[in-house]
Amino acid sequence: MPRRRLALMAAGALVMAAAATLPQSSVATAGTPAPHATAHNTLVTYRVPIRHSADAQTLINAGYDVLERRQGNSLFILGDPTTATGLRRLGFSPTAVRTQQRPTPSTARPVAGDTYDGGYHTVDGNYAHLDQVASQHPDLATVVTYGQSWRKQNGTGGRDLKAICVTKMQQGDCSLNPSSAKPRFFLMSQIHARELTTGEVSWRWIDELTSGYGKDADITKLMDTTEMWVAPIANPDGVDIVASGGDNPLLQRKNADDANGTSCGWSGQIGVDLNRNAGTHWGGLGTSQQPCDEVYLGPSADSEPENSALEGLFRQLYPAVRTGTGDGDPAPAGTRGMMISLHSDASMVLLPWEFDHTVHTGNDSALRALAGQMGSITGYQSGQAGEILYDASGGTDDWTFDKLGLASFTIEIGDSDGRGCDGFTPPYSCQDSYFWPKMKPALLYAAQHAAAPFQTTAAVKH
């Protein structure tokens, strides 16, 4: 039996043994909350040193909210004052590094308006922005509705799923046809609803492209030669839940699908993690089968309408050029197009495969060169997820590479400079003063390489 499988079996055995000694509420099921979801008014972020890579899966299997952040050999857990006890029972040595007020659960939509918590944009605000940009710049932008959210599909409110195509319009541009005249660069954000900075970066990218055309030489050239697609809110039901907290946003990560478990304690963490639900290597490392856990993978691959609709859009925009089915089979060197999924807040640029860092794609060299250059621009680490963060199966960028051969990345936007802009809900002022100046040149570099990403080498300089 392979050594890796033995290690995972040992990790699973450790979780089962520890679970037997934990209070019943500490192990998440469809009807019970995750370990951190108890009736406390304080949220605590814990730094948790790990000994080997299997520790991340041990924590996930036990139901802990393992944040998308890592420093050296330490992971971070979001819980409450009682969480430390359960972590110690599992053999870990947690240290509290941050405390904050616990949001009050609510399923109501936010108070009427386009912003919350100092300026973050609601779903209504984002969709109004898309329509405004298209109305003001009909020669540069058009809005596409590509599906419906879980709530809308099930008749309980919900939203359409929207994207915008931005380019200097020529005949045939922005058509839902994979045989496009121009290469395509796709940016998506807030698939994890609580990662607020990601949506704000997409907002600013749209404005940069449209306001800079004809004024900025780099933007003008890019708009003349490339289609830029942006899905600013990939999880609108989740963002509605987040924004319903107003100045104290709810830290909802998943979508609003409560068909697999409706009672998850004060955290209200119903839903499916859309970035664990994609139909490639589904059910592997970094996922949980417990509906109340933050990385709940869903009842089946691509079970969620937000994912199936997004994947349908990808198939309409990009040809399936990766004909091999093996993990090491490459996409052709001349493949066009790129996709970046924005997350927060690990300060990293991640490349496929994210499901298992011991397995490499057939385009590993070019992907690492691109990720390394984006990391150099932003000051972020780069690599496969399991190399610098933790393995995570069923993610968007693995799917777009696997099914379409598309050069794909996750950028974990974070405070790598100690500016006081860390966390999921940093002060809104951080968006213009810190994050956007860091992300603008990285996105511009990436989009400029959408025409031939797999021909990039480590020698390429920005």
Protein backbone atom coordinates (compact mmCIF):
# COMPACT_ATOMS: atom_id res chain seq x y z
CA MET A 1 0.00 0.00 0.00
CA PRO A 2 1.43 3.47 -0.92
CA ARG A 3 3.04 5.37 1.94
CA ARG A 4 0.76 8.37 1.34
CA ARG A 5 -2.39 6.29 1.75
CA LEU A 6 -1.03 4.78 4.94
CA ALA A 7 -0.41 8.28 6.28
CA LEU A 8 -3.96 9.34 5.48
CA MET A 9 -5.38 6.22 7.10
CA ALA A 10 -3.33 6.93 10.19
CA ALA A 11 -4.60 10.51 10.24
CA GLY A 12 -8.18 9.27 9.95
CA ALA A 13 -7.64 6.83 12.80
CA LEU A 14 -6.30 9.66 14.95
CA VAL A 15 -9.42 11.73 14.26
CA MET A 16 -11.72 8.82 15.15
CA ALA A 17 -9.84 8.14 18.35
CA ALA A 18 -9.87 11.80 19.32
CA ALA A 19 -13.56 12.12 18.43
CA ALA A 20 -14.36 9.43 20.96
CA THR A 21 -12.96 11.65 23.72
CA LEU A 22 -14.55 14.91 22.53
CA PRO A 23 -17.92 16.26 23.60
CA GLN A 24 -20.64 15.33 21.14
CA SER A 25 -20.98 18.94 19.93
CA SER A 26 -17.31 19.00 18.95
CA VAL A 27 -17.71 16.71 15.94
CA ALA A 28 -19.85 18.16 13.18
CA THR A 29 -22.74 16.22 11.68
CA ALA A 30 -25.72 17.31 9.63
CA GLY A 31 -27.54 18.17 12.83
CA THR A 32 -24.76 19.36 15.11
CA PRO A 33 -22.42 22.33 14.90
CA ALA A 34 -18.73 22.20 14.09
CA PRO A 35 -16.25 22.36 17.00
CA HIS A 36 -16.12 26.15 17.05
CA ALA A 37 -19.87 26.68 16.74
CA THR A 38 -20.90 27.12 20.36
CA ALA A 39 -22.82 29.90 22.08
CA HIS A 40 -19.93 32.33 22.66
CA ASN A 41 -19.88 36.00 21.72
CA THR A 42 -16.20 35.97 20.75
CA LEU A 43 -14.41 34.63 17.72
CA VAL A 44 -10.80 33.58 18.19
CA THR A 45 -8.17 32.95 15.52
CA TYR A 46 -5.64 30.34 16.64
CA ARG A 47 -2.18 29.67 15.28
CA VAL A 48 -1.70 25.89 15.21
CA PRO A 49 1.77 24.43 14.56
CA ILE A 50 1.66 21.23 12.50
CA ARG A 51 4.16 18.39 12.27
CA HIS A 52 3.41 16.97 8.80
CA SER A 53 1.05 17.59 5.86
CA ALA A 54 -1.53 15.05 7.07
CA ASP A 55 -2.24 17.32 10.07
CA ALA A 56 -4.26 19.65 7.85
CA GLN A 57 -6.60 16.81 6.90
CA THR A 58 -6.82 15.75 10.56
CA LEU A 59 -8.07 19.23 11.47
CA ILE A 60 -10.50 19.29 8.54
CA ASN A 61 -11.84 15.82 9.36
CA ALA A 62 -12.47 16.97 12.93
CA GLY A 63 -14.60 19.84 11.64
CA TYR A 64 -12.39 22.84 12.33
CA ASP A 65 -12.50 26.00 10.22
CA VAL A 66 -9.00 25.86 8.75
CA LEU A 67 -8.36 29.29 7.29
CA GLU A 68 -6.68 29.97 3.97
CA ARG A 69 -3.55 31.18 5.67
CA ARG A 70 -0.23 29.62 6.61
CA GLN A 71 3.00 30.85 8.15
CA GLY A 72 5.89 28.41 8.06
CA ASN A 73 4.66 25.21 9.70
CA SER A 74 1.61 26.83 11.30
CA LEU A 75 -1.99 26.75 10.11
CA PHE A 76 -4.75 29.01 11.42
CA ILE A 77 -8.11 28.00 12.88
CA LEU A 78 -11.17 30.22 13.41
CA GLY A 79 -13.13 29.21 16.50
CA ASP A 80 -14.22 30.47 19.88
CA PRO A 81 -12.69 30.36 23.40
CA THR A 82 -13.53 26.66 23.77
CA THR A 83 -11.86 25.61 20.51
CA ALA A 84 -8.41 25.42 22.08
CA THR A 85 -9.49 22.57 24.34
CA GLY A 86 -10.57 20.39 21.42
CA LEU A 87 -7.39 21.18 19.51
CA ARG A 88 -5.27 20.13 22.48
CA ARG A 89 -7.20 16.87 22.74
CA LEU A 90 -6.19 16.20 19.14
CA GLY A 91 -2.56 16.71 20.11
CA PHE A 92 -2.07 20.26 18.82
CA SER A 93 -0.71 23.32 20.66
CA PRO A 94 -2.86 26.30 19.66
CA THR A 95 -2.06 29.93 20.45
CA ALA A 96 -4.74 32.62 20.26
CA VAL A 97 -3.55 35.42 17.94
CA ARG A 98 -6.73 37.45 17.39
CA THR A 99 -10.13 37.94 18.97
CA GLN A 100 -13.17 39.68 17.51
CA GLN A 101 -16.88 40.05 18.11
CA ARG A 102 -19.01 37.18 16.88
CA PRO A 103 -21.46 38.18 14.13
CA THR A 104 -25.15 37.65 14.85
CA PRO A 105 -26.71 35.10 12.49
CA SER A 106 -29.28 36.32 10.02
CA THR A 107 -30.70 35.05 6.76
CA ALA A 108 -32.24 38.41 5.83
CA ARG A 109 -30.95 40.41 2.92
CA PRO A 110 -28.92 43.50 3.78
CA VAL A 111 -30.61 46.81 4.40
CA ALA A 112 -31.36 48.56 1.11
CA GLY A 113 -28.23 50.05 -0.35
CA ASP A 114 -25.18 49.24 -2.38
CA THR A 115 -22.58 49.07 0.42
CA TYR A 116 -22.01 47.74 3.94
CA ASP A 117 -19.25 47.70 6.55
CA GLY A 118 -17.63 50.94 5.51
CA GLY A 119 -17.92 50.59 1.74
CA TYR A 120 -17.90 46.90 0.72
CA HIS A 121 -20.31 46.34 -2.14
CA THR A 122 -23.45 44.24 -1.86
CA VAL A 123 -24.68 41.97 -4.63
CA ASP A 124 -27.12 44.72 -5.65
CA GLY A 125 -24.23 47.17 -5.76
CA ASN A 126 -22.09 44.87 -7.87
CA TYR A 127 -24.83 44.09 -10.36
CA ALA A 128 -25.76 47.77 -10.68
CA HIS A 129 -22.09 48.47 -11.34
CA LEU A 130 -21.98 45.92 -14.17
CA ASP A 131 -25.06 47.43 -15.78
CA GLN A 132 -23.71 50.96 -15.39
CA VAL A 133 -20.37 50.09 -16.98
CA ALA A 134 -22.08 48.41 -19.94
CA SER A 135 -24.46 51.36 -20.35
CA GLN A 136 -21.70 53.97 -20.20
CA HIS A 137 -19.28 52.00 -22.40
CA PRO A 138 -21.33 50.03 -24.95
CA ASP A 139 -18.26 49.82 -27.18
CA LEU A 140 -16.22 48.26 -24.37
CA ALA A 141 -18.47 46.07 -22.21
CA THR A 142 -21.45 43.74 -22.20
CA VAL A 143 -23.14 41.86 -19.32
CA VAL A 144 -23.98 38.14 -19.51
CA THR A 145 -26.36 36.21 -17.25
CA TYR A 146 -25.03 32.66 -17.11
CA GLY A 147 -27.22 30.90 -14.53
CA GLN A 148 -29.06 31.07 -11.22
CA SER A 149 -28.02 30.71 -7.59
CA TRP A 150 -29.24 27.87 -5.38
CA ARG A 151 -31.89 30.01 -3.70
CA LYS A 152 -33.26 31.31 -6.99
CA GLN A 153 -33.28 27.87 -8.55
CA ASN A 154 -35.24 26.60 -5.54
CA GLY A 155 -37.72 29.48 -5.38
CA THR A 156 -36.50 30.97 -2.08
CA GLY A 157 -35.25 34.33 -3.32
CA GLY A 158 -31.75 34.23 -4.68
CA ARG A 159 -29.99 35.76 -7.63
CA ASP A 160 -29.03 35.47 -11.23
CA LEU A 161 -25.37 34.72 -11.86
CA LYS A 162 -23.70 37.48 -13.85
CA ALA A 163 -20.42 38.16 -15.62
CA ILE A 164 -19.13 41.01 -17.76
CA CYS A 165 -17.01 40.90 -20.90
CA VAL A 166 -14.71 43.90 -21.34
CA THR A 167 -12.80 44.56 -24.58
CA LYS A 168 -12.71 47.00 -27.49
CA MET A 169 -15.69 45.54 -29.29
CA GLN A 170 -15.24 44.12 -32.76
CA GLN A 171 -17.72 41.96 -34.63
CA GLY A 172 -18.06 38.60 -32.86
CA ASP A 173 -16.38 39.70 -29.62
CA CYS A 174 -17.85 38.49 -26.31
CA SER A 175 -19.88 35.78 -28.05
CA LEU A 176 -20.48 32.58 -26.13
CA ASN A 177 -18.36 30.64 -28.56
CA PRO A 178 -15.04 28.93 -27.74
CA SER A 179 -13.65 29.81 -31.19
CA SER A 180 -13.02 33.45 -30.31
CA ALA A 181 -10.89 35.77 -32.40
CA LYS A 182 -9.17 37.12 -29.30
CA PRO A 183 -7.62 35.22 -26.37
CA ARG A 184 -9.62 35.39 -23.16
CA PHE A 185 -8.60 36.27 -19.62
CA PHE A 186 -11.14 35.31 -16.93
CA LEU A 187 -11.16 36.73 -13.38
CA MET A 188 -13.58 35.51 -10.72
CA SER A 189 -14.09 36.40 -7.08
CA GLN A 190 -16.13 35.78 -3.93
CA ILE A 191 -16.76 32.11 -4.58
CA HIS A 192 -16.06 32.13 -0.83
CA ALA A 193 -18.49 34.83 0.21
CA ARG A 194 -16.66 36.07 3.31
CA GLU A 195 -13.47 36.91 1.37
CA LEU A 196 -14.56 40.50 0.80
CA THR A 197 -11.38 41.90 -0.70
CA THR A 198 -11.66 39.64 -3.73
CA GLY A 199 -14.88 41.23 -4.98
CA GLU A 200 -13.43 44.70 -4.52
CA VAL A 201 -10.39 43.82 -6.63
CA SER A 202 -12.68 42.60 -9.44
CA TRP A 203 -14.68 45.86 -9.21
CA ARG A 204 -11.52 47.93 -9.60
CA TRP A 205 -10.22 45.76 -12.45
CA ILE A 206 -13.40 46.42 -14.44
CA ASP A 207 -13.09 50.16 -13.84
CA GLU A 208 -9.38 50.18 -14.69
CA LEU A 209 -10.01 48.54 -18.04
CA THR A 210 -12.89 50.78 -19.09
CA SER A 211 -11.58 54.10 -17.76
CA GLY A 212 -8.03 53.46 -18.99
CA TYR A 213 -8.92 52.66 -22.59
CA GLY A 214 -7.50 55.32 -24.88
CA LYS A 215 -5.57 56.90 -22.01
CA ASP A 216 -3.19 54.20 -20.78
CA ALA A 217 -1.06 52.54 -23.49
CA ASP A 218 -0.87 49.13 -21.77
CA ILE A 219 -4.60 49.02 -21.07
CA THR A 220 -5.46 50.18 -24.57
CA LYS A 221 -3.29 47.50 -26.18
CA LEU A 222 -4.76 44.84 -23.89
CA MET A 223 -8.33 45.89 -24.66
CA ASP A 224 -7.61 45.89 -28.40
CA THR A 225 -6.24 42.36 -28.38
CA THR A 226 -7.85 40.42 -25.51
CA GLU A 227 -11.30 39.72 -24.07
CA MET A 228 -11.41 40.24 -20.30
CA TRP A 229 -14.19 38.35 -18.54
CA VAL A 230 -15.07 39.03 -14.90
CA ALA A 231 -17.48 37.17 -12.60
CA PRO A 232 -17.28 39.46 -9.54
CA ILE A 233 -19.69 37.53 -7.31
CA ALA A 234 -19.55 33.78 -7.97
CA ASN A 235 -21.56 33.05 -4.79
CA PRO A 236 -24.28 35.74 -4.55
CA ASP A 237 -26.46 33.90 -2.01
CA GLY A 238 -23.46 33.63 0.29
CA VAL A 239 -22.61 37.31 -0.17
CA ASP A 240 -26.21 38.22 0.71
CA ILE A 241 -25.76 36.35 3.99
CA VAL A 242 -22.43 38.08 4.66
CA ALA A 243 -23.84 41.54 3.93
CA SER A 244 -26.93 40.96 6.08
CA GLY A 245 -24.65 41.55 9.08
CA GLY A 246 -24.12 45.16 8.02
CA ASP A 247 -21.17 46.66 9.89
CA ASN A 248 -20.54 43.25 11.48
CA PRO A 249 -20.48 40.98 8.39
CA LEU A 250 -21.36 37.33 8.83
CA LEU A 251 -18.42 35.09 7.96
CA GLN A 252 -20.38 32.87 5.56
CA ARG A 253 -17.99 30.93 3.31
CA LYS A 254 -20.32 28.56 1.48
CA ASN A 255 -23.44 28.95 -0.65
CA ALA A 256 -26.96 28.84 0.82
CA ASP A 257 -27.83 25.21 0.02
CA ASP A 258 -29.37 23.85 3.24
CA ALA A 259 -30.80 20.67 1.71
CA ASN A 260 -28.16 18.54 3.44
CA GLY A 261 -28.35 20.05 6.93
CA THR A 262 -30.31 23.03 8.23
CA SER A 263 -29.05 23.29 11.82
CA CYS A 264 -25.42 24.23 12.18
CA GLY A 265 -25.38 26.24 15.41
CA TRP A 266 -24.83 29.96 15.82
CA SER A 267 -22.39 30.18 12.92
CA GLY A 268 -25.19 29.51 10.42
CA GLN A 269 -22.71 27.66 8.24
CA ILE A 270 -25.20 25.86 6.08
CA GLY A 271 -24.23 25.36 2.50
CA VAL A 272 -21.68 23.70 0.24
CA ASP A 273 -18.14 24.91 -0.28
CA LEU A 274 -18.21 25.72 -3.98
CA ASN A 275 -14.42 25.50 -4.15
CA ARG A 276 -14.58 21.85 -3.04
CA ASN A 277 -17.53 20.88 -5.22
CA ALA A 278 -16.04 21.03 -8.73
CA GLY A 279 -16.04 17.77 -10.66
CA THR A 280 -12.35 17.02 -10.80
CA HIS A 281 -10.64 14.93 -8.11
CA TRP A 282 -13.81 15.52 -6.09
CA GLY A 283 -13.79 14.02 -2.59
CA GLY A 284 -10.05 14.06 -2.07
CA LEU A 285 -7.82 15.88 0.38
CA GLY A 286 -8.97 19.14 1.95
CA THR A 287 -12.67 18.26 1.96
CA SER A 288 -15.27 17.14 4.49
CA GLN A 289 -18.42 15.05 4.18
CA GLN A 290 -20.05 16.80 7.16
CA PRO A 291 -22.61 19.39 5.97
CA CYS A 292 -21.83 21.88 8.75
CA ASP A 293 -18.10 21.96 8.05
CA GLU A 294 -16.63 24.87 6.14
CA VAL A 295 -15.16 22.60 3.46
CA TYR A 296 -18.25 20.45 2.97
CA LEU A 297 -17.92 19.07 -0.55
CA GLY A 298 -21.63 18.58 -1.28
CA PRO A 299 -23.62 15.40 -1.99
CA SER A 300 -21.97 14.89 -5.40
CA ALA A 301 -19.52 16.52 -7.76
CA ASP A 302 -20.92 19.67 -9.40
CA SER A 303 -24.12 19.33 -7.36
CA GLU A 304 -24.41 23.09 -6.88
CA PRO A 305 -26.05 25.30 -9.54
CA GLU A 306 -23.46 28.02 -9.05
CA ASN A 307 -20.72 25.57 -10.07
CA SER A 308 -22.54 23.83 -12.91
CA ALA A 309 -23.49 27.22 -14.40
CA LEU A 310 -19.94 28.57 -14.10
CA GLU A 311 -18.51 25.45 -15.69
CA GLY A 312 -21.07 25.79 -18.47
CA LEU A 313 -19.85 29.34 -19.09
CA PHE A 314 -16.24 28.17 -19.17
CA ARG A 315 -17.10 25.54 -21.77
CA GLN A 316 -18.78 28.21 -23.90
CA LEU A 317 -15.69 30.42 -23.72
CA TYR A 318 -12.80 27.96 -24.03
CA PRO A 319 -12.19 24.91 -26.23
CA ALA A 320 -11.31 21.64 -24.50
CA VAL A 321 -7.75 21.37 -25.77
CA ARG A 322 -6.31 19.04 -23.11
CA THR A 323 -7.21 15.73 -24.71
CA GLY A 324 -5.34 13.46 -22.31
CA THR A 325 -7.03 12.35 -19.10
CA GLY A 326 -3.95 11.56 -17.04
CA ASP A 327 -2.82 14.00 -14.37
CA GLY A 328 0.50 14.43 -16.17
CA ASP A 329 -0.93 14.97 -19.65
CA PRO A 330 -0.20 18.53 -20.83
CA ALA A 331 -2.29 21.07 -22.66
CA PRO A 332 -0.74 21.98 -26.03
CA ALA A 333 2.00 24.60 -25.89
CA GLY A 334 -0.03 26.94 -28.10
CA THR A 335 -3.14 26.91 -25.90
CA ARG A 336 -4.70 30.34 -25.38
CA GLY A 337 -6.50 31.78 -22.36
CA MET A 338 -6.12 32.11 -18.62
CA MET A 339 -8.33 31.93 -15.53
CA ILE A 340 -7.61 33.40 -12.08
CA SER A 341 -9.80 32.75 -9.05
CA LEU A 342 -9.32 35.31 -6.27
CA HIS A 343 -9.34 34.23 -2.63
CA SER A 344 -8.03 35.61 0.68
CA ASP A 345 -6.02 35.95 2.79
CA ALA A 346 -2.92 33.73 2.55
CA SER A 347 -0.71 36.01 0.39
CA MET A 348 -0.01 33.26 -2.15
CA VAL A 349 -0.23 32.45 -5.85
CA LEU A 350 -1.32 28.83 -6.29
CA LEU A 351 -1.19 26.63 -9.39
CA PRO A 352 -2.59 23.20 -10.29
CA TRP A 353 -2.62 20.61 -9.09
CA GLU A 354 -4.17 21.77 -5.82
CA PHE A 355 -5.68 18.37 -5.02
CA ASP A 356 -2.28 16.77 -4.35
CA HIS A 357 1.06 18.57 -4.29
CA THR A 358 2.97 15.36 -5.01
CA VAL A 359 1.39 15.24 -8.49
CA HIS A 360 2.41 17.75 -11.17
CA THR A 361 0.67 18.85 -14.35
CA GLY A 362 2.23 18.40 -17.76
CA ASN A 363 2.56 22.21 -17.97
CA ASP A 364 4.19 22.59 -14.58
CA SER A 365 7.19 24.63 -15.74
CA ALA A 366 5.17 27.35 -17.48
CA LEU A 367 2.56 27.51 -14.71
CA ARG A 368 5.30 27.93 -12.10
CA ALA A 369 6.96 30.65 -14.19
CA LEU A 370 3.72 32.63 -14.41
CA ALA A 371 2.87 32.09 -10.74
CA GLY A 372 6.39 33.01 -9.72
CA GLN A 373 6.25 36.27 -11.65
CA MET A 374 2.85 37.17 -10.17
CA GLY A 375 4.30 36.31 -6.76
CA SER A 376 7.29 38.55 -7.43
CA ILE A 377 5.00 41.44 -8.36
CA THR A 378 2.78 41.05 -5.28
CA GLY A 379 5.39 39.89 -2.78
CA TYR A 380 3.52 36.57 -2.36
CA GLN A 381 4.76 32.99 -2.17
CA SER A 382 3.96 30.79 -5.16
CA GLY A 383 3.57 27.06 -5.63
CA GLN A 384 1.06 24.23 -5.50
CA ALA A 385 -1.39 24.50 -2.63
CA GLY A 386 -0.02 21.56 -0.67
CA GLU A 387 3.54 22.87 -1.00
CA ILE A 388 2.86 26.19 0.71
CA LEU A 389 -0.67 25.98 2.20
CA TYR A 390 -2.52 22.64 2.21
CA ASP A 391 -3.98 20.29 -0.40
CA ALA A 392 -7.53 21.11 -1.51
CA SER A 393 -9.58 18.98 -3.91
CA GLY A 394 -12.52 19.98 -6.08
CA GLY A 395 -11.40 23.55 -6.78
CA THR A 396 -12.16 25.80 -9.73
CA ASP A 397 -8.63 26.15 -11.07
CA ASP A 398 -8.03 22.38 -11.03
CA TRP A 399 -11.30 21.96 -12.98
CA THR A 400 -10.50 24.54 -15.67
CA PHE A 401 -7.05 23.05 -16.24
CA ASP A 402 -8.25 19.45 -16.10
CA LYS A 403 -11.28 19.76 -18.36
CA LEU A 404 -10.17 22.54 -20.70
CA GLY A 405 -6.38 22.74 -20.49
CA LEU A 406 -6.72 26.35 -19.38
CA ALA A 407 -3.80 28.04 -17.60
CA SER A 408 -5.37 28.49 -14.18
CA PHE A 409 -4.39 30.01 -10.85
CA THR A 410 -5.67 31.00 -7.44
CA ILE A 411 -4.39 34.26 -6.00
CA GLU A 412 -4.78 34.44 -2.23
CA ILE A 413 -4.88 38.19 -1.59
CA GLY A 414 -3.38 39.01 1.80
CA ASP A 415 -1.45 41.43 3.94
CA SER A 416 2.11 40.27 3.36
CA ASP A 417 3.59 43.52 4.69
CA GLY A 418 1.96 43.91 8.13
CA ARG A 419 -0.18 46.89 7.12
CA GLY A 420 -3.10 46.01 9.40
CA CYS A 421 -5.08 44.77 6.40
CA ASP A 422 -5.29 41.06 7.28
CA GLY A 423 -8.38 38.93 7.75
CA PHE A 424 -11.55 38.46 5.72
CA THR A 425 -12.98 41.88 6.56
CA PRO A 426 -10.07 44.34 6.69
CA PRO A 427 -10.83 48.08 6.99
CA TYR A 428 -12.35 49.19 3.71
CA SER A 429 -9.64 51.82 3.34
CA CYS A 430 -7.16 48.96 2.71
CA GLN A 431 -8.74 48.34 -0.70
CA ASP A 432 -7.47 51.50 -2.38
CA SER A 433 -4.46 52.20 -0.19
CA TYR A 434 -2.94 48.72 -0.16
CA PHE A 435 -4.59 45.86 -2.07
CA TRP A 436 -5.37 47.47 -5.42
CA PRO A 437 -1.86 48.95 -5.98
CA LYS A 438 -0.50 45.45 -5.30
CA MET A 439 -2.98 43.57 -7.49
CA LYS A 440 -3.27 45.90 -10.50
CA PRO A 441 0.19 45.15 -11.97
CA ALA A 442 -0.19 41.41 -11.28
CA LEU A 443 -3.50 41.21 -13.14
CA LEU A 444 -2.15 43.29 -15.99
CA TYR A 445 0.86 40.96 -16.29
CA ALA A 446 -1.39 37.89 -16.25
CA ALA A 447 -3.82 39.24 -18.85
CA GLN A 448 -0.93 40.19 -21.14
CA HIS A 449 0.10 36.50 -21.15
CA ALA A 450 -3.34 35.08 -21.95
CA ALA A 451 -2.40 34.73 -25.63
CA ALA A 452 0.28 32.09 -25.00
CA PRO A 453 0.57 31.24 -21.29
CA PHE A 454 2.27 27.86 -21.73
CA GLN A 455 5.10 29.44 -23.66
CA THR A 456 6.09 31.47 -20.62
CA THR A 457 9.48 30.67 -19.11
CA ALA A 458 11.18 31.64 -15.89
CA ALA A 459 13.28 34.13 -17.88
CA VAL A 460 10.24 36.29 -18.66
CA LYS A 461 10.46 39.64 -16.83
CA HIS A 462 7.72 42.18 -16.20
